[in-house]
Every structure is written in structure tokens, then in C-alpha cells.
Amino acid sequence: MQLRGDVSLVDTDYGKVLLDGGTGEYWELNPTGSLVLTGLLAGRPAGEIAATLCAAFDVDGDRATADVTALLTTLRDARLVLP
């Protein structure tokens, strides 16, 4: 997965911000969302990212998997990423 060409990604003190250059809309990601996005952009499987969330944030596997899926769905629905 990769960001669309006109989508910018910036690290912040609290996570990451995505800016859609086409619409001017932006999305702020907290540390959890940032970890998920970094993993997705690196090509890591969703299950592996969920396991990392479990270890880093002390959440159960079902919740971590749901969080990864939800962010991926949001990124796709907003058309911020290419398949």
C-alpha cells in the first residue's frame, strides 16, 4: 500500500498528519494510528501490525485487529491510499 501522490505525511509531536493536496482536508493520527499507518506503508500484514499494537499498547487481539481494519477502511474510503 502507498499514499496517493498528492497526499503528504508529516510527523508531529503526537503522531502523524496526512494532508490531501487535492481537497485540502487533513487527518491527524495519534500514536496508535501512526504505528498502524507506518506498518501498512511498510507492507506489513494487518495481523502482524495488530500483534505489535497488542505488545505496545496492552490491548487484546480482537480490539487491535478491529483498529487496524478500521484505519485501513478509513484511508481507503477517503481515497488517501492506492491499493
PDB file of N, CA and C in Angstrom:
ATOM      1  N   MET A   1       0.832  -1.164   0.000  1.00  0.00           N
ATOM      2  CA  MET A   1       0.000   0.000   0.000  1.00  0.00           C
ATOM      3  C   MET A   1       0.884   1.236   0.000  1.00  0.00           C
ATOM      4  N   GLN A   2       0.402   2.295  -0.649  1.00  0.00           N
ATOM      5  CA  GLN A   2       1.136   3.550  -0.661  1.00  0.00           C
ATOM      6  C   GLN A   2       0.160   4.712  -0.665  1.00  0.00           C
ATOM      7  N   LEU A   3       0.638   5.860  -0.224  1.00  0.00           N
ATOM      8  CA  LEU A   3      -0.177   7.052  -0.249  1.00  0.00           C
ATOM      9  C   LEU A   3      -0.323   7.535  -1.683  1.00  0.00           C
ATOM     10  N   ARG A   4      -1.451   8.156  -1.982  1.00  0.00           N
ATOM     11  CA  ARG A   4      -1.626   8.788  -3.280  1.00  0.00           C
ATOM     12  C   ARG A   4      -0.545   9.840  -3.445  1.00  0.00           C
ATOM     13  N   GLY A   5      -0.180  10.151  -4.655  1.00  0.00           N
ATOM     14  CA  GLY A   5       0.912  11.077  -4.921  1.00  0.00           C
ATOM     15  C   GLY A   5       0.730  12.467  -4.346  1.00  0.00           C
ATOM     16  N   ASP A   6      -0.518  12.927  -4.220  1.00  0.00           N
ATOM     17  CA  ASP A   6      -0.756  14.273  -3.711  1.00  0.00           C
ATOM     18  C   ASP A   6      -1.130  14.292  -2.230  1.00  0.00           C
ATOM     19  N   VAL A   7      -0.837  13.205  -1.531  1.00  0.00           N
ATOM     20  CA  VAL A   7      -1.074  13.134  -0.091  1.00  0.00           C
ATOM     21  C   VAL A   7       0.274  13.257   0.623  1.00  0.00           C
ATOM     22  N   SER A   8       0.339  14.221   1.533  1.00  0.00           N
ATOM     23  CA  SER A   8       1.567  14.447   2.295  1.00  0.00           C
ATOM     24  C   SER A   8       1.432  13.827   3.683  1.00  0.00           C
ATOM     25  N   LEU A   9       2.541  13.355   4.199  1.00  0.00           N
ATOM     26  CA  LEU A   9       2.595  12.762   5.527  1.00  0.00           C
ATOM     27  C   LEU A   9       3.653  13.500   6.335  1.00  0.00           C
ATOM     28  N   VAL A  10       3.252  13.991   7.508  1.00  0.00           N
ATOM     29  CA  VAL A  10       4.157  14.764   8.352  1.00  0.00           C
ATOM     30  C   VAL A  10       4.129  14.176   9.758  1.00  0.00           C
ATOM     31  N   ASP A  11       5.303  13.984  10.334  1.00  0.00           N
ATOM     32  CA  ASP A  11       5.404  13.566  11.731  1.00  0.00           C
ATOM     33  C   ASP A  11       5.171  14.781  12.626  1.00  0.00           C
ATOM     34  N   THR A  12       4.466  14.548  13.731  1.00  0.00           N
ATOM     35  CA  THR A  12       4.236  15.602  14.717  1.00  0.00           C
ATOM     36  C   THR A  12       4.712  15.093  16.075  1.00  0.00           C
ATOM     37  N   ASP A  13       4.618  15.942  17.081  1.00  0.00           N
ATOM     38  CA  ASP A  13       4.998  15.525  18.430  1.00  0.00           C
ATOM     39  C   ASP A  13       4.073  14.441  18.957  1.00  0.00           C
ATOM     40  N   TYR A  14       2.851  14.378  18.443  1.00  0.00           N
ATOM     41  CA  TYR A  14       1.860  13.441  18.964  1.00  0.00           C
ATOM     42  C   TYR A  14       1.534  12.290  18.010  1.00  0.00           C
ATOM     43  N   GLY A  15       2.026  12.290  16.811  1.00  0.00           N
ATOM     44  CA  GLY A  15       1.706  11.225  15.858  1.00  0.00           C
ATOM     45  C   GLY A  15       2.075  11.638  14.451  1.00  0.00           C
ATOM     46  N   LYS A  16       1.082  11.603  13.571  1.00  0.00           N
ATOM     47  CA  LYS A  16       1.298  11.968  12.170  1.00  0.00           C
ATOM     48  C   LYS A  16       0.081  12.734  11.679  1.00  0.00           C
ATOM     49  N   VAL A  17       0.301  13.526  10.626  1.00  0.00           N
ATOM     50  CA  VAL A  17      -0.791  14.224   9.958  1.00  0.00           C
ATOM     51  C   VAL A  17      -0.706  13.898   8.478  1.00  0.00           C
ATOM     52  N   LEU A  18      -1.863  13.568   7.906  1.00  0.00           N
ATOM     53  CA  LEU A  18      -1.987  13.346   6.473  1.00  0.00           C
ATOM     54  C   LEU A  18      -2.709  14.537   5.871  1.00  0.00           C
ATOM     55  N   LEU A  19      -2.192  15.090   4.783  1.00  0.00           N
ATOM     56  CA  LEU A  19      -2.837  16.197   4.093  1.00  0.00           C
ATOM     57  C   LEU A  19      -3.146  15.776   2.668  1.00  0.00           C
ATOM     58  N   ASP A  20      -4.414  15.850   2.312  1.00  0.00           N
ATOM     59  CA  ASP A  20      -4.846  15.546   0.952  1.00  0.00           C
ATOM     60  C   ASP A  20      -4.676  16.815   0.127  1.00  0.00           C
ATOM     61  N   GLY A  21      -3.675  16.831  -0.729  1.00  0.00           N
ATOM     62  CA  GLY A  21      -3.390  18.003  -1.545  1.00  0.00           C
ATOM     63  C   GLY A  21      -4.487  18.338  -2.528  1.00  0.00           C
ATOM     64  N   GLY A  22      -5.323  17.373  -2.864  1.00  0.00           N
ATOM     65  CA  GLY A  22      -6.409  17.619  -3.801  1.00  0.00           C
ATOM     66  C   GLY A  22      -7.596  18.313  -3.184  1.00  0.00           C
ATOM     67  N   THR A  23      -7.886  18.011  -1.924  1.00  0.00           N
ATOM     68  CA  THR A  23      -9.073  18.559  -1.273  1.00  0.00           C
ATOM     69  C   THR A  23      -8.739  19.558  -0.170  1.00  0.00           C
ATOM     70  N   GLY A  24      -7.504  19.541   0.322  1.00  0.00           N
ATOM     71  CA  GLY A  24      -7.123  20.388   1.430  1.00  0.00           C
ATOM     72  C   GLY A  24      -7.518  19.820   2.783  1.00  0.00           C
ATOM     73  N   GLU A  25      -8.140  18.652   2.795  1.00  0.00           N
ATOM     74  CA  GLU A  25      -8.521  18.018   4.052  1.00  0.00           C
ATOM     75  C   GLU A  25      -7.300  17.377   4.700  1.00  0.00           C
ATOM     76  N   TYR A  26      -7.337  17.300   6.022  1.00  0.00           N
ATOM     77  CA  TYR A  26      -6.241  16.635   6.717  1.00  0.00           C
ATOM     78  C   TYR A  26      -6.781  15.726   7.808  1.00  0.00           C
ATOM     79  N   TRP A  27      -5.973  14.742   8.162  1.00  0.00           N
ATOM     80  CA  TRP A  27      -6.301  13.756   9.190  1.00  0.00           C
ATOM     81  C   TRP A  27      -5.136  13.697  10.155  1.00  0.00           C
ATOM     82  N   GLU A  28      -5.442  13.802  11.433  1.00  0.00           N
ATOM     83  CA  GLU A  28      -4.422  13.692  12.465  1.00  0.00           C
ATOM     84  C   GLU A  28      -4.485  12.293  13.060  1.00  0.00           C
ATOM     85  N   LEU A  29      -3.353  11.619  13.089  1.00  0.00           N
ATOM     86  CA  LEU A  29      -3.269  10.267  13.640  1.00  0.00           C
ATOM     87  C   LEU A  29      -2.544  10.307  14.977  1.00  0.00           C
ATOM     88  N   ASN A  30      -3.128   9.670  15.974  1.00  0.00           N
ATOM     89  CA  ASN A  30      -2.485   9.558  17.282  1.00  0.00           C
ATOM     90  C   ASN A  30      -1.370   8.513  17.193  1.00  0.00           C
ATOM     91  N   PRO A  31      -0.641   8.261  18.278  1.00  0.00           N
ATOM     92  CA  PRO A  31       0.454   7.289  18.204  1.00  0.00           C
ATOM     93  C   PRO A  31       0.016   5.897  17.726  1.00  0.00           C
ATOM     94  N   THR A  32      -1.160   5.464  18.123  1.00  0.00           N
ATOM     95  CA  THR A  32      -1.646   4.157  17.664  1.00  0.00           C
ATOM     96  C   THR A  32      -1.875   4.160  16.160  1.00  0.00           C
ATOM     97  N   GLY A  33      -2.582   5.167  15.680  1.00  0.00           N
ATOM     98  CA  GLY A  33      -2.832   5.278  14.241  1.00  0.00           C
ATOM     99  C   GLY A  33      -1.546   5.427  13.456  1.00  0.00           C
ATOM    100  N   SER A  34      -0.609   6.152  14.017  1.00  0.00           N
ATOM    101  CA  SER A  34       0.690   6.331  13.360  1.00  0.00           C
ATOM    102  C   SER A  34       1.431   5.007  13.213  1.00  0.00           C
ATOM    103  N   LEU A  35       1.398   4.206  14.270  1.00  0.00           N
ATOM    104  CA  LEU A  35       2.051   2.901  14.226  1.00  0.00           C
ATOM    105  C   LEU A  35       1.402   2.017  13.156  1.00  0.00           C
ATOM    106  N   VAL A  36       0.079   2.055  13.097  1.00  0.00           N
ATOM    107  CA  VAL A  36      -0.642   1.254  12.099  1.00  0.00           C
ATOM    108  C   VAL A  36      -0.289   1.729  10.694  1.00  0.00           C
ATOM    109  N   LEU A  37      -0.353   3.032  10.458  1.00  0.00           N
ATOM    110  CA  LEU A  37      -0.054   3.557   9.123  1.00  0.00           C
ATOM    111  C   LEU A  37       1.371   3.231   8.710  1.00  0.00           C
ATOM    112  N   THR A  38       2.316   3.405   9.606  1.00  0.00           N
ATOM    113  CA  THR A  38       3.715   3.082   9.297  1.00  0.00           C
ATOM    114  C   THR A  38       3.852   1.625   8.878  1.00  0.00           C
ATOM    115  N   GLY A  39       3.191   0.735   9.609  1.00  0.00           N
ATOM    116  CA  GLY A  39       3.232  -0.682   9.261  1.00  0.00           C
ATOM    117  C   GLY A  39       2.615  -0.970   7.906  1.00  0.00           C
ATOM    118  N   LEU A  40       1.465  -0.361   7.643  1.00  0.00           N
ATOM    119  CA  LEU A  40       0.792  -0.578   6.358  1.00  0.00           C
ATOM    120  C   LEU A  40       1.651  -0.088   5.199  1.00  0.00           C
ATOM    121  N   LEU A  41       2.231   1.095   5.352  1.00  0.00           N
ATOM    122  CA  LEU A  41       3.072   1.648   4.290  1.00  0.00           C
ATOM    123  C   LEU A  41       4.342   0.825   4.085  1.00  0.00           C
ATOM    124  N   ALA A  42       4.783   0.126   5.128  1.00  0.00           N
ATOM    125  CA  ALA A  42       5.964  -0.736   5.016  1.00  0.00           C
ATOM    126  C   ALA A  42       5.613  -2.104   4.431  1.00  0.00           C
ATOM    127  N   GLY A  43       4.322  -2.330   4.181  1.00  0.00           N
ATOM    128  CA  GLY A  43       3.900  -3.597   3.577  1.00  0.00           C
ATOM    129  C   GLY A  43       3.699  -4.720   4.573  1.00  0.00           C
ATOM    130  N   ARG A  44       3.640  -4.397   5.862  1.00  0.00           N
ATOM    131  CA  ARG A  44       3.436  -5.442   6.872  1.00  0.00           C
ATOM    132  C   ARG A  44       1.988  -5.917   6.838  1.00  0.00           C
ATOM    133  N   PRO A  45       1.766  -7.199   7.058  1.00  0.00           N
ATOM    134  CA  PRO A  45       0.391  -7.720   7.096  1.00  0.00           C
ATOM    135  C   PRO A  45      -0.376  -7.165   8.289  1.00  0.00           C
ATOM    136  N   ALA A  46      -1.686  -7.029   8.132  1.00  0.00           N
ATOM    137  CA  ALA A  46      -2.537  -6.473   9.182  1.00  0.00           C
ATOM    138  C   ALA A  46      -2.405  -7.255  10.488  1.00  0.00           C
ATOM    139  N   GLY A  47      -2.322  -8.577  10.408  1.00  0.00           N
ATOM    140  CA  GLY A  47      -2.194  -9.390  11.616  1.00  0.00           C
ATOM    141  C   GLY A  47      -0.914  -9.106  12.379  1.00  0.00           C
ATOM    142  N   GLU A  48       0.150  -8.859  11.665  1.00  0.00           N
ATOM    143  CA  GLU A  48       1.432  -8.534  12.297  1.00  0.00           C
ATOM    144  C   GLU A  48       1.365  -7.161  12.971  1.00  0.00           C
ATOM    145  N   ILE A  49       0.707  -6.222  12.307  1.00  0.00           N
ATOM    146  CA  ILE A  49       0.547  -4.886  12.890  1.00  0.00           C
ATOM    147  C   ILE A  49      -0.310  -4.971  14.151  1.00  0.00           C
ATOM    148  N   ALA A  50      -1.369  -5.766  14.109  1.00  0.00           N
ATOM    149  CA  ALA A  50      -2.237  -5.944  15.282  1.00  0.00           C
ATOM    150  C   ALA A  50      -1.440  -6.532  16.448  1.00  0.00           C
ATOM    151  N   ALA A  51      -0.575  -7.482  16.166  1.00  0.00           N
ATOM    152  CA  ALA A  51       0.252  -8.074  17.226  1.00  0.00           C
ATOM    153  C   ALA A  51       1.186  -7.031  17.834  1.00  0.00           C
ATOM    154  N   THR A  52       1.714  -6.140  17.009  1.00  0.00           N
ATOM    155  CA  THR A  52       2.565  -5.066  17.501  1.00  0.00           C
ATOM    156  C   THR A  52       1.769  -4.130  18.406  1.00  0.00           C
ATOM    157  N   LEU A  53       0.530  -3.830  18.014  1.00  0.00           N
ATOM    158  CA  LEU A  53      -0.335  -2.994  18.855  1.00  0.00           C
ATOM    159  C   LEU A  53      -0.568  -3.642  20.215  1.00  0.00           C
ATOM    160  N   CYS A  54      -0.803  -4.945  20.209  1.00  0.00           N
ATOM    161  CA  CYS A  54      -1.033  -5.671  21.466  1.00  0.00           C
ATOM    162  C   CYS A  54       0.160  -5.520  22.405  1.00  0.00           C
ATOM    163  N   ALA A  55       1.338  -5.634  21.858  1.00  0.00           N
ATOM    164  CA  ALA A  55       2.545  -5.546  22.675  1.00  0.00           C
ATOM    165  C   ALA A  55       2.833  -4.115  23.123  1.00  0.00           C
ATOM    166  N   ALA A  56       2.607  -3.160  22.244  1.00  0.00           N
ATOM    167  CA  ALA A  56       2.968  -1.776  22.539  1.00  0.00           C
ATOM    168  C   ALA A  56       1.952  -1.056  23.414  1.00  0.00           C
ATOM    169  N   PHE A  57       0.672  -1.423  23.289  1.00  0.00           N
ATOM    170  CA  PHE A  57      -0.372  -0.656  23.966  1.00  0.00           C
ATOM    171  C   PHE A  57      -1.236  -1.490  24.899  1.00  0.00           C
ATOM    172  N   ASP A  58      -0.873  -2.725  25.136  1.00  0.00           N
ATOM    173  CA  ASP A  58      -1.608  -3.582  26.058  1.00  0.00           C
ATOM    174  C   ASP A  58      -3.101  -3.655  25.750  1.00  0.00           C
ATOM    175  N   VAL A  59      -3.425  -3.974  24.489  1.00  0.00           N
ATOM    176  CA  VAL A  59      -4.810  -4.193  24.069  1.00  0.00           C
ATOM    177  C   VAL A  59      -4.957  -5.645  23.641  1.00  0.00           C
ATOM    178  N   ASP A  60      -6.197  -6.134  23.648  1.00  0.00           N
ATOM    179  CA  ASP A  60      -6.383  -7.526  23.233  1.00  0.00           C
ATOM    180  C   ASP A  60      -6.385  -7.631  21.709  1.00  0.00           C
ATOM    181  N   GLY A  61      -6.209  -8.844  21.235  1.00  0.00           N
ATOM    182  CA  GLY A  61      -6.057  -9.105  19.805  1.00  0.00           C
ATOM    183  C   GLY A  61      -7.249  -8.691  18.968  1.00  0.00           C
ATOM    184  N   ASP A  62      -8.453  -8.920  19.473  1.00  0.00           N
ATOM    185  CA  ASP A  62      -9.643  -8.549  18.713  1.00  0.00           C
ATOM    186  C   ASP A  62      -9.732  -7.038  18.532  1.00  0.00           C
ATOM    187  N   ARG A  63      -9.456  -6.317  19.590  1.00  0.00           N
ATOM    188  CA  ARG A  63      -9.504  -4.852  19.519  1.00  0.00           C
ATOM    189  C   ARG A  63      -8.433  -4.328  18.572  1.00  0.00           C
ATOM    190  N   ALA A  64      -7.230  -4.870  18.663  1.00  0.00           N
ATOM    191  CA  ALA A  64      -6.130  -4.431  17.803  1.00  0.00           C
ATOM    192  C   ALA A  64      -6.457  -4.699  16.337  1.00  0.00           C
ATOM    193  N   THR A  65      -6.988  -5.871  16.050  1.00  0.00           N
ATOM    194  CA  THR A  65      -7.365  -6.215  14.670  1.00  0.00           C
ATOM    195  C   THR A  65      -8.447  -5.278  14.161  1.00  0.00           C
ATOM    196  N   ALA A  66      -9.437  -4.982  15.003  1.00  0.00           N
ATOM    197  CA  ALA A  66     -10.508  -4.061  14.620  1.00  0.00           C
ATOM    198  C   ALA A  66      -9.958  -2.666  14.352  1.00  0.00           C
ATOM    199  N   ASP A  67      -8.997  -2.221  15.162  1.00  0.00           N
ATOM    200  CA  ASP A  67      -8.408  -0.895  14.967  1.00  0.00           C
ATOM    201  C   ASP A  67      -7.630  -0.810  13.656  1.00  0.00           C
ATOM    202  N   VAL A  68      -6.872  -1.843  13.342  1.00  0.00           N
ATOM    203  CA  VAL A  68      -6.120  -1.868  12.075  1.00  0.00           C
ATOM    204  C   VAL A  68      -7.103  -1.839  10.904  1.00  0.00           C
ATOM    205  N   THR A  69      -8.123  -2.666  10.969  1.00  0.00           N
ATOM    206  CA  THR A  69      -9.118  -2.734   9.897  1.00  0.00           C
ATOM    207  C   THR A  69      -9.838  -1.402   9.738  1.00  0.00           C
ATOM    208  N   ALA A  70     -10.204  -0.776  10.856  1.00  0.00           N
ATOM    209  CA  ALA A  70     -10.924   0.498  10.803  1.00  0.00           C
ATOM    210  C   ALA A  70     -10.078   1.590  10.157  1.00  0.00           C
ATOM    211  N   LEU A  71      -8.806   1.665  10.514  1.00  0.00           N
ATOM    212  CA  LEU A  71      -7.957   2.695   9.913  1.00  0.00           C
ATOM    213  C   LEU A  71      -7.758   2.428   8.429  1.00  0.00           C
ATOM    214  N   LEU A  72      -7.530   1.197   8.064  1.00  0.00           N
ATOM    215  CA  LEU A  72      -7.356   0.865   6.660  1.00  0.00           C
ATOM    216  C   LEU A  72      -8.610   1.220   5.866  1.00  0.00           C
ATOM    217  N   THR A  73      -9.780   0.922   6.398  1.00  0.00           N
ATOM    218  CA  THR A  73     -11.038   1.253   5.737  1.00  0.00           C
ATOM    219  C   THR A  73     -11.183   2.766   5.579  1.00  0.00           C
ATOM    220  N   THR A  74     -10.846   3.504   6.619  1.00  0.00           N
ATOM    221  CA  THR A  74     -10.936   4.964   6.573  1.00  0.00           C
ATOM    222  C   THR A  74      -9.999   5.539   5.516  1.00  0.00           C
ATOM    223  N   LEU A  75      -8.775   5.037   5.465  1.00  0.00           N
ATOM    224  CA  LEU A  75      -7.809   5.509   4.469  1.00  0.00           C
ATOM    225  C   LEU A  75      -8.299   5.232   3.053  1.00  0.00           C
ATOM    226  N   ARG A  76      -8.862   4.056   2.850  1.00  0.00           N
ATOM    227  CA  ARG A  76      -9.378   3.697   1.521  1.00  0.00           C
ATOM    228  C   ARG A  76     -10.612   4.528   1.165  1.00  0.00           C
ATOM    229  N   ASP A  77     -11.527   4.657   2.120  1.00  0.00           N
ATOM    230  CA  ASP A  77     -12.756   5.433   1.859  1.00  0.00           C
ATOM    231  C   ASP A  77     -12.450   6.892   1.551  1.00  0.00           C
ATOM    232  N   ALA A  78     -11.432   7.445   2.195  1.00  0.00           N
ATOM    233  CA  ALA A  78     -11.032   8.830   1.954  1.00  0.00           C
ATOM    234  C   ALA A  78     -10.180   8.956   0.703  1.00  0.00           C
ATOM    235  N   ARG A  79      -9.856   7.841   0.105  1.00  0.00           N
ATOM    236  CA  ARG A  79      -9.041   7.773  -1.122  1.00  0.00           C
ATOM    237  C   ARG A  79      -7.664   8.398  -0.917  1.00  0.00           C
ATOM    238  N   LEU A  80      -7.105   8.143   0.264  1.00  0.00           N
ATOM    239  CA  LEU A  80      -5.765   8.644   0.570  1.00  0.00           C
ATOM    240  C   LEU A  80      -4.673   7.679   0.133  1.00  0.00           C
ATOM    241  N   VAL A  81      -5.040   6.419  -0.071  1.00  0.00           N
ATOM    242  CA  VAL A  81      -4.059   5.390  -0.403  1.00  0.00           C
ATOM    243  C   VAL A  81      -4.398   4.720  -1.729  1.00  0.00           C
ATOM    244  N   LEU A  82      -3.371   4.191  -2.330  1.00  0.00           N
ATOM    245  CA  LEU A  82      -3.521   3.360  -3.526  1.00  0.00           C
ATOM    246  C   LEU A  82      -3.444   1.911  -3.057  1.00  0.00           C
ATOM    247  N   PRO A  83      -4.159   1.026  -3.726  1.00  0.00           N
ATOM    248  CA  PRO A  83      -4.135  -0.381  -3.299  1.00  0.00           C
ATOM    249  C   PRO A  83      -2.763  -1.015  -3.366  1.00  0.00           C
TER     250      PRO A  83
END
